[in-house]
N, C-alpha and C. Protein backbone atom coordinates (compact mmCIF):
# COMPACT_ATOMS: atom_id res chain seq x y z
N MET A 1 0.04 4.96 -22.69
CA MET A 1 0.70 4.60 -21.81
C MET A 1 -0.28 4.24 -20.66
N ASN A 2 0.07 3.10 -20.07
CA ASN A 2 -0.93 2.63 -19.09
C ASN A 2 -0.60 3.09 -18.12
N HIS A 3 -1.69 3.88 -16.98
CA HIS A 3 -1.67 4.55 -16.16
C HIS A 3 -2.36 3.54 -14.76
N VAL A 4 -1.32 3.11 -14.25
CA VAL A 4 -1.51 1.98 -13.02
C VAL A 4 -0.92 2.96 -11.83
N GLN A 5 -2.23 2.93 -10.92
CA GLN A 5 -2.25 3.68 -9.72
C GLN A 5 -1.64 3.20 -8.38
N ALA A 6 -0.73 3.70 -7.68
CA ALA A 6 -0.40 3.25 -6.43
C ALA A 6 -0.66 4.15 -5.27
N LEU A 7 -1.19 3.89 -4.23
CA LEU A 7 -1.54 4.65 -2.85
C LEU A 7 -0.82 4.27 -1.98
N ILE A 8 0.35 5.32 -1.44
CA ILE A 8 1.12 5.10 -0.21
C ILE A 8 0.48 5.71 0.84
N ILE A 9 0.09 4.71 2.08
CA ILE A 9 -0.33 5.52 3.31
C ILE A 9 0.74 5.17 4.22
N GLU A 10 1.63 6.50 4.37
CA GLU A 10 2.93 6.24 5.36
C GLU A 10 2.73 7.67 5.83
N ASP A 11 3.02 7.53 7.26
CA ASP A 11 3.34 8.81 7.90
C ASP A 11 4.66 9.63 8.17
N ASP A 12 5.57 8.91 7.94
CA ASP A 12 6.86 9.17 7.53
C ASP A 12 7.54 9.87 6.20
N PRO A 13 7.62 10.76 6.24
CA PRO A 13 7.64 11.54 4.94
C PRO A 13 9.00 11.15 4.37
N LYS A 14 9.92 10.80 4.86
CA LYS A 14 10.92 10.10 4.29
C LYS A 14 11.13 8.44 3.74
N LEU A 15 10.08 7.63 4.67
CA LEU A 15 9.63 6.68 4.30
C LEU A 15 9.12 6.41 2.80
N ALA A 16 7.86 7.37 3.03
CA ALA A 16 6.89 7.66 2.11
C ALA A 16 7.81 8.08 0.54
N ALA A 17 8.34 8.95 0.98
CA ALA A 17 9.76 9.54 -0.50
C ALA A 17 10.14 8.13 -1.23
N ILE A 18 10.91 7.50 0.08
CA ILE A 18 11.44 6.13 -0.65
C ILE A 18 10.50 5.11 -1.40
N PHE A 19 9.46 4.77 -0.49
CA PHE A 19 8.33 4.10 -1.12
C PHE A 19 7.94 4.52 -2.43
N ALA A 20 7.68 5.88 -2.64
CA ALA A 20 7.23 6.35 -3.94
C ALA A 20 8.20 5.80 -5.17
N GLU A 21 9.17 6.38 -4.58
CA GLU A 21 10.56 6.55 -5.84
C GLU A 21 10.81 4.76 -6.33
N ALA A 22 10.39 3.78 -5.28
CA ALA A 22 10.57 2.13 -5.77
C ALA A 22 9.30 1.98 -6.25
N LEU A 23 8.20 2.72 -6.18
CA LEU A 23 6.70 2.26 -6.99
C LEU A 23 7.04 2.96 -8.46
N ARG A 24 7.77 4.14 -8.48
CA ARG A 24 7.73 4.74 -9.66
C ARG A 24 8.92 3.90 -10.67
N ALA A 25 9.99 3.30 -10.12
CA ALA A 25 10.68 2.42 -10.54
C ALA A 25 9.92 1.11 -11.15
N ALA A 26 8.94 0.96 -10.35
CA ALA A 26 8.14 -0.49 -10.66
C ALA A 26 6.72 -0.04 -11.71
N GLU A 27 6.99 1.10 -12.19
CA GLU A 27 6.04 1.81 -13.42
C GLU A 27 4.67 1.97 -12.79
N TYR A 28 4.78 2.62 -11.62
CA TYR A 28 3.52 3.11 -10.68
C TYR A 28 3.05 4.65 -10.72
N GLU A 29 2.15 4.95 -11.23
CA GLU A 29 1.76 6.62 -10.69
C GLU A 29 1.49 6.55 -9.04
N ILE A 30 1.95 7.38 -8.47
CA ILE A 30 2.28 7.45 -6.86
C ILE A 30 1.25 8.54 -6.32
N ASP A 31 0.42 8.09 -5.52
CA ASP A 31 -0.23 9.07 -4.54
C ASP A 31 -0.01 8.81 -3.38
N ILE A 32 0.31 9.95 -2.30
CA ILE A 32 0.69 9.70 -1.33
C ILE A 32 -0.43 10.36 -0.33
N ALA A 33 -0.67 9.70 0.91
CA ALA A 33 -1.58 10.14 2.07
C ALA A 33 -0.47 9.85 3.56
N GLN A 34 -0.37 10.64 4.23
CA GLN A 34 0.36 10.52 5.30
C GLN A 34 -0.49 10.65 6.72
N ASP A 35 -1.82 10.12 6.71
CA ASP A 35 -2.93 10.22 7.49
C ASP A 35 -4.08 9.17 7.26
N GLY A 36 -4.53 8.60 8.31
CA GLY A 36 -5.36 7.66 7.81
C GLY A 36 -6.88 8.18 7.24
N GLN A 37 -7.36 9.29 7.83
CA GLN A 37 -8.54 10.25 7.33
C GLN A 37 -8.13 10.55 5.93
N VAL A 38 -7.23 11.24 5.73
CA VAL A 38 -6.92 11.58 4.17
C VAL A 38 -6.68 10.30 3.55
N ALA A 39 -6.40 9.14 3.75
CA ALA A 39 -6.27 7.89 2.92
C ALA A 39 -7.55 7.41 2.53
N LEU A 40 -8.58 7.45 3.68
CA LEU A 40 -10.02 7.29 3.38
C LEU A 40 -10.65 8.07 2.31
N GLY A 41 -10.08 9.37 2.35
CA GLY A 41 -10.85 10.39 1.04
C GLY A 41 -9.97 10.06 -0.31
N ARG A 42 -8.74 9.75 -0.32
CA ARG A 42 -8.33 9.41 -1.59
C ARG A 42 -8.90 8.20 -2.04
N LEU A 43 -9.20 7.01 -1.10
CA LEU A 43 -9.68 6.09 -1.79
C LEU A 43 -11.13 5.85 -1.84
N ALA A 44 -11.67 6.86 -1.72
CA ALA A 44 -13.21 7.16 -2.04
C ALA A 44 -13.13 8.05 -3.51
N GLU A 45 -11.92 8.28 -3.90
CA GLU A 45 -11.82 8.98 -5.31
C GLU A 45 -11.12 8.05 -6.36
N MET A 46 -10.34 7.04 -5.77
CA MET A 46 -9.61 6.30 -6.81
C MET A 46 -9.71 4.96 -6.32
N ILE A 47 -9.35 4.02 -7.06
CA ILE A 47 -9.05 2.53 -6.96
C ILE A 47 -7.64 2.60 -7.60
N PRO A 48 -6.79 2.06 -6.45
CA PRO A 48 -5.52 1.78 -6.82
C PRO A 48 -5.05 0.43 -7.10
N ALA A 49 -4.15 0.08 -7.86
CA ALA A 49 -3.78 -1.22 -8.13
C ALA A 49 -3.20 -1.89 -7.17
N ILE A 50 -2.49 -0.94 -6.45
CA ILE A 50 -1.73 -1.35 -5.10
C ILE A 50 -1.64 -0.19 -3.91
N VAL A 51 -1.72 -0.88 -2.87
CA VAL A 51 -1.62 0.08 -1.48
C VAL A 51 -0.18 -0.27 -0.88
N ILE A 52 0.41 0.68 -0.54
CA ILE A 52 1.31 0.54 0.72
C ILE A 52 0.91 0.92 2.07
N LEU A 53 0.59 0.33 2.86
CA LEU A 53 -0.12 0.53 3.89
C LEU A 53 0.48 0.68 5.40
N ASP A 54 1.04 1.65 5.80
CA ASP A 54 1.64 1.62 7.02
C ASP A 54 0.33 0.98 8.17
N LEU A 55 0.67 0.45 9.38
CA LEU A 55 -0.09 0.07 10.13
C LEU A 55 -0.64 1.53 11.29
N HIS A 56 0.59 2.30 11.65
CA HIS A 56 0.56 2.89 12.86
C HIS A 56 0.41 4.29 12.29
N LEU A 57 -0.80 4.94 12.12
CA LEU A 57 -0.81 6.31 11.35
C LEU A 57 -1.88 7.40 12.15
N PRO A 58 -1.59 8.38 11.97
CA PRO A 58 -2.32 9.20 12.71
C PRO A 58 -3.91 9.34 12.63
N HIS A 59 -4.82 9.42 13.06
CA HIS A 59 -6.54 9.92 13.00
C HIS A 59 -7.02 8.30 12.56
N LEU A 60 -6.74 7.70 12.16
CA LEU A 60 -7.14 6.33 11.71
C LEU A 60 -5.93 5.27 11.65
N SER A 61 -6.29 3.92 12.30
CA SER A 61 -5.27 3.03 12.13
C SER A 61 -5.32 2.40 10.63
N GLY A 62 -4.07 1.94 10.18
CA GLY A 62 -3.49 0.78 9.01
C GLY A 62 -4.67 -0.21 8.76
N LYS A 63 -4.85 -0.75 10.19
CA LYS A 63 -5.44 -1.88 10.05
C LYS A 63 -7.22 -1.53 9.79
N ASP A 64 -7.71 -0.35 10.46
CA ASP A 64 -9.06 0.08 9.79
C ASP A 64 -9.14 0.32 8.68
N ILE A 65 -8.17 0.84 8.12
CA ILE A 65 -8.13 1.11 6.48
C ILE A 65 -8.09 -0.49 5.75
N LEU A 66 -7.30 -0.98 6.16
CA LEU A 66 -7.02 -2.18 5.59
C LEU A 66 -8.33 -3.09 5.43
N TYR A 67 -9.24 -3.16 6.80
CA TYR A 67 -10.26 -3.39 6.61
C TYR A 67 -11.99 -3.02 5.53
N HIS A 68 -11.51 -1.70 5.77
CA HIS A 68 -12.40 -0.84 4.96
C HIS A 68 -11.79 -1.26 3.46
N ILE A 69 -10.65 -1.59 2.93
CA ILE A 69 -10.56 -1.91 1.58
C ILE A 69 -11.12 -3.03 1.05
N ARG A 70 -11.00 -4.19 2.36
CA ARG A 70 -11.44 -5.46 2.14
C ARG A 70 -12.91 -5.56 2.19
N ALA A 71 -13.47 -4.74 2.84
CA ALA A 71 -15.06 -4.81 2.78
C ALA A 71 -15.69 -4.24 1.59
N ASP A 72 -15.11 -3.44 0.83
CA ASP A 72 -15.40 -2.60 -0.60
C ASP A 72 -14.97 -3.36 -1.58
N GLU A 73 -16.30 -3.76 -2.42
CA GLU A 73 -16.15 -4.60 -3.65
C GLU A 73 -15.25 -3.76 -4.75
N ARG A 74 -15.45 -2.61 -4.43
CA ARG A 74 -14.46 -1.85 -5.73
C ARG A 74 -13.13 -1.90 -5.85
N PHE A 75 -12.60 -2.53 -4.37
CA PHE A 75 -10.87 -2.81 -4.31
C PHE A 75 -10.83 -4.52 -4.44
N THR A 76 -11.44 -5.04 -5.01
CA THR A 76 -11.33 -6.55 -4.99
C THR A 76 -10.26 -6.67 -6.01
N ARG A 77 -9.81 -6.10 -6.75
CA ARG A 77 -8.18 -6.67 -7.26
C ARG A 77 -7.19 -5.81 -7.01
N THR A 78 -7.33 -4.81 -5.98
CA THR A 78 -6.34 -3.90 -5.47
C THR A 78 -5.58 -4.69 -4.72
N ARG A 79 -4.07 -4.79 -4.60
CA ARG A 79 -3.11 -5.72 -3.77
C ARG A 79 -2.74 -4.74 -2.68
N VAL A 80 -2.62 -5.31 -1.35
CA VAL A 80 -2.24 -4.42 -0.14
C VAL A 80 -1.19 -5.08 0.31
N MET A 81 -0.04 -4.13 0.52
CA MET A 81 1.39 -4.64 0.99
C MET A 81 1.22 -3.62 2.44
N LEU A 82 1.10 -4.65 3.53
CA LEU A 82 1.28 -3.59 4.62
C LEU A 82 2.80 -3.61 5.11
N THR A 83 3.16 -2.37 5.71
CA THR A 83 4.46 -2.27 6.12
C THR A 83 4.74 -1.74 7.66
N THR A 84 5.25 -2.45 8.40
CA THR A 84 5.22 -2.24 9.88
C THR A 84 6.31 -2.63 10.46
N ALA A 85 6.83 -2.01 11.68
CA ALA A 85 7.65 -2.50 12.52
C ALA A 85 7.46 -3.49 13.68
N ASP A 86 5.81 -3.67 13.57
CA ASP A 86 5.61 -4.42 14.56
C ASP A 86 4.88 -5.82 14.37
N PRO A 87 6.15 -6.73 14.56
CA PRO A 87 5.62 -8.26 13.97
C PRO A 87 4.35 -8.77 14.49
N LEU A 88 4.03 -8.45 15.78
CA LEU A 88 2.89 -9.10 16.33
C LEU A 88 1.70 -8.89 15.62
N MET A 89 1.66 -7.41 15.39
CA MET A 89 0.54 -6.70 14.40
C MET A 89 0.50 -7.19 13.19
N ALA A 90 1.62 -7.35 12.54
CA ALA A 90 1.78 -7.89 10.99
C ALA A 90 1.33 -9.18 11.02
N GLU A 91 1.60 -10.19 11.99
CA GLU A 91 1.10 -11.66 11.89
C GLU A 91 -0.46 -11.81 12.16
N THR A 92 -1.20 -10.82 12.88
CA THR A 92 -2.55 -10.96 13.09
C THR A 92 -3.40 -10.40 11.63
N LEU A 93 -2.46 -9.54 10.96
CA LEU A 93 -3.16 -9.29 9.69
C LEU A 93 -2.92 -9.92 8.48
N ARG A 94 -1.77 -10.81 8.65
CA ARG A 94 -1.06 -11.44 7.39
C ARG A 94 -2.52 -12.29 6.56
N THR A 95 -3.57 -12.69 7.01
CA THR A 95 -4.47 -12.84 6.12
C THR A 95 -5.07 -12.20 5.35
N GLU A 96 -4.99 -10.92 6.06
CA GLU A 96 -6.34 -9.78 5.19
C GLU A 96 -5.12 -9.16 4.03
N ALA A 97 -3.77 -9.34 4.27
CA ALA A 97 -3.20 -8.54 3.31
C ALA A 97 -2.28 -9.47 2.38
N ASP A 98 -2.16 -8.90 0.89
CA ASP A 98 -1.26 -9.39 0.00
C ASP A 98 -0.09 -9.80 0.36
N LEU A 99 0.83 -8.79 1.05
CA LEU A 99 2.04 -9.20 1.47
C LEU A 99 2.24 -8.21 2.78
N VAL A 100 3.06 -8.93 3.65
CA VAL A 100 3.45 -8.26 5.06
C VAL A 100 4.80 -7.92 5.06
N LEU A 101 5.35 -6.59 4.92
CA LEU A 101 6.81 -6.28 5.05
C LEU A 101 6.93 -5.63 6.29
N LEU A 102 7.98 -6.33 7.10
CA LEU A 102 8.73 -5.56 8.21
C LEU A 102 9.69 -4.81 8.00
N LYS A 103 9.61 -3.70 8.50
CA LYS A 103 10.64 -2.37 8.36
C LYS A 103 11.82 -2.69 9.03
N PRO A 104 13.08 -2.53 8.81
CA PRO A 104 12.97 -1.59 7.43
C PRO A 104 13.02 -2.21 6.20
N ILE A 105 12.54 -1.54 5.15
CA ILE A 105 12.12 -2.25 3.92
C ILE A 105 13.14 -1.55 2.88
N SER A 106 13.92 -2.32 2.12
CA SER A 106 14.94 -1.59 1.37
C SER A 106 13.98 -0.88 -0.14
N PHE A 107 14.70 -0.14 -0.80
CA PHE A 107 14.13 0.39 -2.00
C PHE A 107 14.23 -0.85 -2.92
N SER A 108 14.98 -1.85 -3.04
CA SER A 108 14.95 -2.89 -4.24
C SER A 108 14.08 -3.95 -3.92
N GLN A 109 13.69 -4.08 -2.53
CA GLN A 109 12.85 -5.21 -2.19
C GLN A 109 11.62 -4.66 -2.43
N LEU A 110 10.98 -3.28 -2.25
CA LEU A 110 9.66 -2.78 -2.39
C LEU A 110 9.66 -2.86 -3.85
N ARG A 111 10.57 -2.34 -4.54
CA ARG A 111 10.42 -2.17 -6.28
C ARG A 111 10.12 -3.45 -6.86
N ASP A 112 10.99 -4.40 -6.39
CA ASP A 112 10.85 -5.83 -6.98
C ASP A 112 9.42 -6.47 -6.78
N LEU A 113 9.17 -6.11 -5.65
CA LEU A 113 7.70 -6.72 -5.04
C LEU A 113 6.56 -5.84 -6.13
N ALA A 114 6.70 -4.87 -5.80
CA ALA A 114 5.72 -4.00 -6.40
C ALA A 114 5.69 -4.57 -7.96
N ALA A 115 6.85 -4.55 -8.78
CA ALA A 115 6.99 -4.81 -10.11
C ALA A 115 6.20 -6.19 -10.32
N ARG A 116 6.29 -7.17 -9.45
CA ARG A 116 5.76 -8.53 -9.56
C ARG A 116 4.49 -8.44 -9.64
N LEU A 117 3.70 -7.59 -8.70
CA LEU A 117 2.44 -7.41 -8.48
C LEU A 117 1.50 -6.37 -9.59
N HIS A 118 2.33 -5.87 -10.62
CA HIS A 118 2.00 -4.75 -11.43
C HIS A 118 0.72 -5.82 -12.59
N PRO A 119 -0.23 -5.11 -12.36
CA PRO A 119 -1.47 -5.54 -13.48
C PRO A 119 -0.78 -6.26 -14.51
N ARG A 120 -0.28 -5.94 -15.26
CA ARG A 120 0.15 -6.14 -16.78
C ARG A 120 0.58 -7.57 -16.54
N ASP A 121 1.28 -8.01 -15.26
CA ASP A 121 1.71 -9.28 -15.47
C ASP A 121 0.83 -10.21 -14.82
N LEU A 122 -0.55 -9.96 -14.14
CA LEU A 122 -1.11 -10.73 -13.53
C LEU A 122 -2.13 -11.33 -14.61
N THR A 123 -2.52 -12.48 -14.33
CA THR A 123 -3.55 -13.18 -15.38
C THR A 123 -4.47 -13.58 -14.34
N ASP A 124 -5.68 -13.18 -14.54
CA ASP A 124 -6.86 -13.98 -13.50
C ASP A 124 -7.59 -15.01 -14.79
């Protein structure tokens, strides 16, 4: 079995649970960080295929995490989906992210987008 990891960085436990179920349905193994500092620690230990990244987080912003991911060559194949309710911030980061999703995000929308980004379906 192919173990493809996803990291969900979201401080709202209900949203994190919905995102986790959507990604499991798209055949990812899930790890969740609910705080920016914790997320950096997880990224030091893993190279996820996909990161679902909220922009407004405790201790370290999603924007800082996004720049950290993009500056580290270990993550060149990692897809980043930004999730935010802030359309202005989303627009400023659109070029850095693979996808920008404005909240509210439906289960089926996230599942389907994550499935399309699954590494088994990507050809380089």
